Amino acid sequence: MADVVARTMRQLRGQICWGLSYHPQTNLSMNFGEPRLEVIFEQLGRDLGKDSGRRPRPRWRKGQRVIIIEGRWKLEIRLAYWRIRIDRETTATSASPKIEIWRALCALEGQKFVGAEVEPTTGRTRFLFEQGSVLDVRRFERSSTDELWVLFRPTGYALAVRGDGTYDHEPSSGLDRRPRVERRDLPYTSLTTVPTVQVWS
């Protein structure tokens, strides 16, 4: 297979980042490109319990439509440490207080993606945005083989980079029978669209 990692990053170049979110359990995610609306029919009714005010929450009825708005591209940071730098200063990391994380996400919101650098032996990745903003991603432990990040493409494929220097490129739906690639070594190619910089400084 040709360098699908570099090709995917070239296709993502110029897309605007929006809809950033963070949760301690699911980590960091962001959307790129035009929004799309997805309608899901809930198959089983679910009682969502009570909130902190002891008021009953709405029950999802069987067959009720659940609306999700996402970008044509979606990036999810998975089992990884990350750092956001704005104006060459560290604004927040995955270990920062929530208020600092949300401030960093607000600063990154609306910026264009301009390129990426991937270290082929560890999967360490530097996502580059306009105005010099940077999102750095690396594994937690040296022995990690977990997914560091996954990029969902408009084609229905998902590109995942792992902490052992491999990547997966496969349909994001288990019902999709198109060809898939698993645990392929990352290629030794430059993905950056700006002068090369050290991945971790």
Foldseek 3Di string as FASTA:
>chain_A
DPQVVLVVQVVQFFWFWADWDADLQQGIKIATADKDKDKDFAQDKDFPAADPVRDGDDIRHGRDIDIDIGHQKMKGFGQWKKFKDAPNHTQDISPDPPVSVVVSVVVRHGWGWHWKFADQQFRWMWTATPNGIIMTIGHPDQPWQDWRMWMQHNVQWIWTAGRRRFIKIGGPDPVDPDDIDPRHGNDPDGTHPDPDDDRPD
